[in-house]
Amino acid sequence: MKTTFLRRTAAIALIIGSAALVACASTARTEGTGEYIDDSVITAKVKTAVFNDPALKSAEINVETFKGKVQLSGYVGSQSDIDKAVVLARGVNGVTSVANDMRLK
């Protein structure tokens, strides 16, 4: 009787543990926990690179990252500002691609 109870308890714990791991896994449209953290770090690094560039400090550039793909949006003063922001984003470790949705003021 005790053995049956222990087996059932172990089976239930295994099922719950497996479900928890599956919930953290990524799909094509969602990120896993680790990917979300990695993307947050990439976003912060790209924002820092853009902010630290004297030519881009006043630019209104938004940065979003999903699975290493960075999307830049917002408004800048010139095409050279757009080009510079894209180059800076591509230079950040972990960036797999950069989508440019920035517009000229």
N, C-alpha and C. Protein backbone atom coordinates (compact mmCIF):
# COMPACT_ATOMS: atom_id res chain seq x y z
N MET A 1 0.82 -1.18 0.00
CA MET A 1 0.00 0.00 0.00
C MET A 1 0.87 1.25 0.00
N LYS A 2 1.92 1.26 0.83
CA LYS A 2 2.82 2.39 0.90
C LYS A 2 3.58 2.55 -0.42
N THR A 3 3.96 1.44 -1.03
CA THR A 3 4.68 1.47 -2.29
C THR A 3 3.81 2.05 -3.40
N THR A 4 2.56 1.71 -3.46
CA THR A 4 1.64 2.24 -4.46
C THR A 4 1.49 3.75 -4.29
N PHE A 5 1.36 4.19 -3.07
CA PHE A 5 1.24 5.63 -2.80
C PHE A 5 2.49 6.37 -3.27
N LEU A 6 3.67 5.82 -2.97
CA LEU A 6 4.92 6.46 -3.37
C LEU A 6 5.06 6.51 -4.89
N ARG A 7 4.65 5.45 -5.57
CA ARG A 7 4.73 5.43 -7.04
C ARG A 7 3.79 6.47 -7.64
N ARG A 8 2.59 6.57 -7.11
CA ARG A 8 1.64 7.56 -7.62
C ARG A 8 2.15 8.98 -7.36
N THR A 9 2.68 9.20 -6.19
CA THR A 9 3.21 10.52 -5.86
C THR A 9 4.38 10.88 -6.77
N ALA A 10 5.25 9.91 -7.02
CA ALA A 10 6.39 10.15 -7.91
C ALA A 10 5.90 10.42 -9.33
N ALA A 11 4.89 9.68 -9.79
CA ALA A 11 4.35 9.89 -11.13
C ALA A 11 3.73 11.27 -11.27
N ILE A 12 2.99 11.70 -10.26
CA ILE A 12 2.37 13.03 -10.29
C ILE A 12 3.45 14.11 -10.29
N ALA A 13 4.48 13.94 -9.48
CA ALA A 13 5.57 14.92 -9.43
C ALA A 13 6.28 15.00 -10.78
N LEU A 14 6.46 13.86 -11.43
CA LEU A 14 7.10 13.83 -12.75
C LEU A 14 6.25 14.54 -13.79
N ILE A 15 4.96 14.34 -13.75
CA ILE A 15 4.05 15.00 -14.71
C ILE A 15 4.06 16.50 -14.49
N ILE A 16 3.99 16.93 -13.25
CA ILE A 16 4.00 18.38 -12.95
C ILE A 16 5.33 19.00 -13.36
N GLY A 17 6.43 18.32 -13.08
CA GLY A 17 7.74 18.82 -13.47
C GLY A 17 7.89 18.93 -14.98
N SER A 18 7.39 17.93 -15.70
CA SER A 18 7.46 17.96 -17.17
C SER A 18 6.62 19.11 -17.73
N ALA A 19 5.44 19.31 -17.16
CA ALA A 19 4.58 20.40 -17.61
C ALA A 19 5.24 21.75 -17.38
N ALA A 20 5.94 21.90 -16.27
CA ALA A 20 6.63 23.16 -15.97
C ALA A 20 7.74 23.42 -16.97
N LEU A 21 8.47 22.39 -17.36
CA LEU A 21 9.54 22.57 -18.34
C LEU A 21 8.98 22.92 -19.71
N VAL A 22 7.89 22.30 -20.10
CA VAL A 22 7.28 22.59 -21.39
C VAL A 22 6.77 24.02 -21.42
N ALA A 23 6.26 24.52 -20.32
CA ALA A 23 5.75 25.89 -20.26
C ALA A 23 6.85 26.91 -20.47
N CYS A 24 8.10 26.58 -20.17
CA CYS A 24 9.22 27.50 -20.34
C CYS A 24 9.86 27.41 -21.72
N ALA A 25 9.45 26.45 -22.52
CA ALA A 25 10.04 26.26 -23.84
C ALA A 25 9.55 27.31 -24.81
N SER A 26 10.37 27.58 -25.82
CA SER A 26 9.98 28.59 -26.80
C SER A 26 9.30 27.94 -27.99
N THR A 27 8.53 28.76 -28.69
CA THR A 27 7.91 28.35 -29.94
C THR A 27 8.27 29.41 -30.98
N ALA A 28 7.71 29.30 -32.18
CA ALA A 28 8.01 30.27 -33.22
C ALA A 28 7.54 31.67 -32.85
N ARG A 29 6.49 31.78 -32.04
CA ARG A 29 5.92 33.08 -31.70
C ARG A 29 6.17 33.52 -30.27
N THR A 30 6.70 32.65 -29.45
CA THR A 30 6.96 33.01 -28.06
C THR A 30 8.39 32.65 -27.70
N GLU A 31 8.89 33.32 -26.68
CA GLU A 31 10.25 33.08 -26.21
C GLU A 31 10.22 32.26 -24.93
N GLY A 32 11.25 31.47 -24.75
CA GLY A 32 11.44 30.82 -23.47
C GLY A 32 12.03 31.83 -22.50
N THR A 33 12.10 31.47 -21.24
CA THR A 33 12.60 32.37 -20.22
C THR A 33 14.03 32.82 -20.51
N GLY A 34 14.88 31.90 -20.87
CA GLY A 34 16.27 32.24 -21.17
C GLY A 34 16.39 33.16 -22.36
N GLU A 35 15.60 32.92 -23.40
CA GLU A 35 15.62 33.79 -24.58
C GLU A 35 15.14 35.19 -24.23
N TYR A 36 14.13 35.29 -23.39
CA TYR A 36 13.62 36.60 -22.98
C TYR A 36 14.71 37.39 -22.27
N ILE A 37 15.42 36.74 -21.40
CA ILE A 37 16.51 37.41 -20.67
C ILE A 37 17.61 37.81 -21.64
N ASP A 38 18.00 36.91 -22.55
CA ASP A 38 19.02 37.24 -23.54
C ASP A 38 18.59 38.43 -24.38
N ASP A 39 17.35 38.46 -24.82
CA ASP A 39 16.85 39.56 -25.64
C ASP A 39 16.82 40.87 -24.86
N SER A 40 16.52 40.80 -23.58
CA SER A 40 16.54 42.00 -22.75
C SER A 40 17.95 42.57 -22.65
N VAL A 41 18.93 41.70 -22.55
CA VAL A 41 20.32 42.13 -22.48
C VAL A 41 20.73 42.75 -23.82
N ILE A 42 20.36 42.12 -24.92
CA ILE A 42 20.68 42.65 -26.25
C ILE A 42 20.05 44.03 -26.42
N THR A 43 18.77 44.17 -26.06
CA THR A 43 18.08 45.45 -26.17
C THR A 43 18.82 46.53 -25.38
N ALA A 44 19.21 46.21 -24.17
CA ALA A 44 19.93 47.18 -23.32
C ALA A 44 21.26 47.57 -23.95
N LYS A 45 21.98 46.60 -24.50
CA LYS A 45 23.28 46.90 -25.12
C LYS A 45 23.12 47.77 -26.37
N VAL A 46 22.11 47.49 -27.17
CA VAL A 46 21.87 48.30 -28.37
C VAL A 46 21.48 49.72 -27.97
N LYS A 47 20.59 49.85 -27.00
CA LYS A 47 20.19 51.19 -26.53
C LYS A 47 21.39 51.96 -26.00
N THR A 48 22.26 51.30 -25.27
CA THR A 48 23.46 51.94 -24.74
C THR A 48 24.38 52.39 -25.86
N ALA A 49 24.58 51.53 -26.86
CA ALA A 49 25.43 51.89 -27.99
C ALA A 49 24.88 53.10 -28.74
N VAL A 50 23.58 53.13 -28.94
CA VAL A 50 22.94 54.26 -29.63
C VAL A 50 23.05 55.53 -28.78
N PHE A 51 22.78 55.42 -27.50
CA PHE A 51 22.82 56.58 -26.62
C PHE A 51 24.23 57.15 -26.49
N ASN A 52 25.23 56.28 -26.45
CA ASN A 52 26.61 56.72 -26.28
C ASN A 52 27.21 57.32 -27.55
N ASP A 53 26.56 57.19 -28.67
CA ASP A 53 27.05 57.80 -29.90
C ASP A 53 26.62 59.27 -29.92
N PRO A 54 27.58 60.20 -29.97
CA PRO A 54 27.24 61.63 -29.89
C PRO A 54 26.25 62.09 -30.98
N ALA A 55 26.35 61.52 -32.16
CA ALA A 55 25.46 61.94 -33.25
C ALA A 55 24.03 61.46 -33.04
N LEU A 56 23.83 60.41 -32.28
CA LEU A 56 22.50 59.82 -32.14
C LEU A 56 21.84 60.11 -30.79
N LYS A 57 22.49 60.81 -29.90
CA LYS A 57 21.95 61.02 -28.56
C LYS A 57 20.56 61.65 -28.57
N SER A 58 20.34 62.58 -29.47
CA SER A 58 19.05 63.26 -29.48
C SER A 58 18.01 62.54 -30.34
N ALA A 59 18.42 61.48 -30.99
CA ALA A 59 17.49 60.75 -31.86
C ALA A 59 16.47 59.99 -31.03
N GLU A 60 15.31 59.84 -31.60
CA GLU A 60 14.23 59.09 -30.94
C GLU A 60 14.18 57.69 -31.54
N ILE A 61 15.06 56.84 -31.06
CA ILE A 61 15.17 55.48 -31.61
C ILE A 61 14.66 54.49 -30.58
N ASN A 62 13.71 53.68 -30.98
CA ASN A 62 13.18 52.61 -30.13
C ASN A 62 13.82 51.30 -30.54
N VAL A 63 14.10 50.44 -29.56
CA VAL A 63 14.75 49.16 -29.82
C VAL A 63 13.90 48.05 -29.22
N GLU A 64 13.61 47.05 -30.03
CA GLU A 64 12.92 45.84 -29.56
C GLU A 64 13.69 44.64 -30.08
N THR A 65 13.72 43.58 -29.29
CA THR A 65 14.46 42.38 -29.67
C THR A 65 13.59 41.15 -29.45
N PHE A 66 13.58 40.25 -30.43
CA PHE A 66 12.86 38.98 -30.32
C PHE A 66 13.73 37.90 -30.93
N LYS A 67 14.19 36.99 -30.09
CA LYS A 67 15.04 35.87 -30.51
C LYS A 67 16.28 36.35 -31.27
N GLY A 68 16.90 37.41 -30.76
CA GLY A 68 18.13 37.92 -31.35
C GLY A 68 17.93 38.87 -32.52
N LYS A 69 16.70 39.01 -32.98
CA LYS A 69 16.41 39.90 -34.11
C LYS A 69 16.01 41.26 -33.55
N VAL A 70 16.79 42.28 -33.88
CA VAL A 70 16.57 43.63 -33.36
C VAL A 70 15.75 44.43 -34.36
N GLN A 71 14.76 45.14 -33.84
CA GLN A 71 13.97 46.05 -34.68
C GLN A 71 14.18 47.47 -34.16
N LEU A 72 14.64 48.33 -35.07
CA LEU A 72 14.85 49.73 -34.74
C LEU A 72 13.71 50.53 -35.35
N SER A 73 13.10 51.40 -34.56
CA SER A 73 12.03 52.25 -35.06
C SER A 73 12.16 53.62 -34.43
N GLY A 74 11.41 54.57 -34.94
CA GLY A 74 11.45 55.92 -34.40
C GLY A 74 11.87 56.91 -35.46
N TYR A 75 12.30 58.10 -35.00
CA TYR A 75 12.61 59.19 -35.90
C TYR A 75 14.03 59.69 -35.70
N VAL A 76 14.72 59.93 -36.80
CA VAL A 76 16.09 60.44 -36.77
C VAL A 76 16.20 61.61 -37.75
N GLY A 77 17.31 62.35 -37.65
CA GLY A 77 17.46 63.54 -38.46
C GLY A 77 17.98 63.33 -39.86
N SER A 78 18.67 62.21 -40.12
CA SER A 78 19.25 62.02 -41.44
C SER A 78 19.42 60.55 -41.77
N GLN A 79 19.67 60.28 -43.05
CA GLN A 79 19.91 58.90 -43.48
C GLN A 79 21.19 58.37 -42.85
N SER A 80 22.18 59.23 -42.64
CA SER A 80 23.42 58.78 -42.01
C SER A 80 23.17 58.34 -40.56
N ASP A 81 22.21 58.98 -39.88
CA ASP A 81 21.84 58.54 -38.52
C ASP A 81 21.22 57.14 -38.56
N ILE A 82 20.40 56.89 -39.56
CA ILE A 82 19.79 55.56 -39.72
C ILE A 82 20.89 54.53 -39.94
N ASP A 83 21.79 54.84 -40.87
CA ASP A 83 22.88 53.90 -41.19
C ASP A 83 23.75 53.64 -39.96
N LYS A 84 24.05 54.69 -39.20
CA LYS A 84 24.89 54.55 -38.01
C LYS A 84 24.21 53.67 -36.95
N ALA A 85 22.92 53.88 -36.73
CA ALA A 85 22.19 53.09 -35.74
C ALA A 85 22.17 51.61 -36.13
N VAL A 86 21.99 51.34 -37.42
CA VAL A 86 21.98 49.95 -37.88
C VAL A 86 23.35 49.31 -37.67
N VAL A 87 24.41 50.03 -37.99
CA VAL A 87 25.77 49.51 -37.80
C VAL A 87 26.04 49.23 -36.32
N LEU A 88 25.63 50.15 -35.46
CA LEU A 88 25.82 49.95 -34.01
C LEU A 88 25.06 48.72 -33.52
N ALA A 89 23.82 48.56 -33.97
CA ALA A 89 23.01 47.41 -33.54
C ALA A 89 23.64 46.10 -34.01
N ARG A 90 24.11 46.08 -35.25
CA ARG A 90 24.73 44.85 -35.78
C ARG A 90 26.00 44.49 -35.03
N GLY A 91 26.66 45.49 -34.43
CA GLY A 91 27.90 45.24 -33.71
C GLY A 91 27.72 44.68 -32.32
N VAL A 92 26.50 44.60 -31.85
CA VAL A 92 26.24 44.07 -30.51
C VAL A 92 26.25 42.54 -30.54
N ASN A 93 26.95 41.95 -29.60
CA ASN A 93 27.04 40.50 -29.51
C ASN A 93 25.66 39.89 -29.26
N GLY A 94 25.30 38.88 -30.04
CA GLY A 94 24.03 38.20 -29.89
C GLY A 94 22.98 38.63 -30.90
N VAL A 95 23.21 39.72 -31.59
CA VAL A 95 22.26 40.20 -32.61
C VAL A 95 22.40 39.32 -33.85
N THR A 96 21.28 38.74 -34.28
CA THR A 96 21.31 37.89 -35.48
C THR A 96 20.90 38.64 -36.73
N SER A 97 20.04 39.65 -36.58
CA SER A 97 19.65 40.49 -37.71
C SER A 97 19.07 41.79 -37.18
N VAL A 98 19.02 42.80 -38.07
CA VAL A 98 18.49 44.12 -37.69
C VAL A 98 17.44 44.52 -38.72
N ALA A 99 16.25 44.83 -38.23
CA ALA A 99 15.19 45.36 -39.09
C ALA A 99 15.11 46.86 -38.86
N ASN A 100 15.19 47.62 -39.95
CA ASN A 100 15.19 49.07 -39.86
C ASN A 100 13.82 49.61 -40.20
N ASP A 101 13.13 50.15 -39.21
CA ASP A 101 11.83 50.80 -39.41
C ASP A 101 11.91 52.26 -38.99
N MET A 102 13.11 52.84 -39.02
CA MET A 102 13.27 54.24 -38.62
C MET A 102 12.83 55.16 -39.76
N ARG A 103 12.39 56.35 -39.40
CA ARG A 103 11.90 57.34 -40.37
C ARG A 103 12.66 58.65 -40.15
N LEU A 104 12.75 59.42 -41.22
CA LEU A 104 13.36 60.75 -41.14
C LEU A 104 12.36 61.74 -40.59
N LYS A 105 12.85 62.69 -39.77
CA LYS A 105 11.98 63.73 -39.20
C LYS A 105 11.58 64.69 -40.28
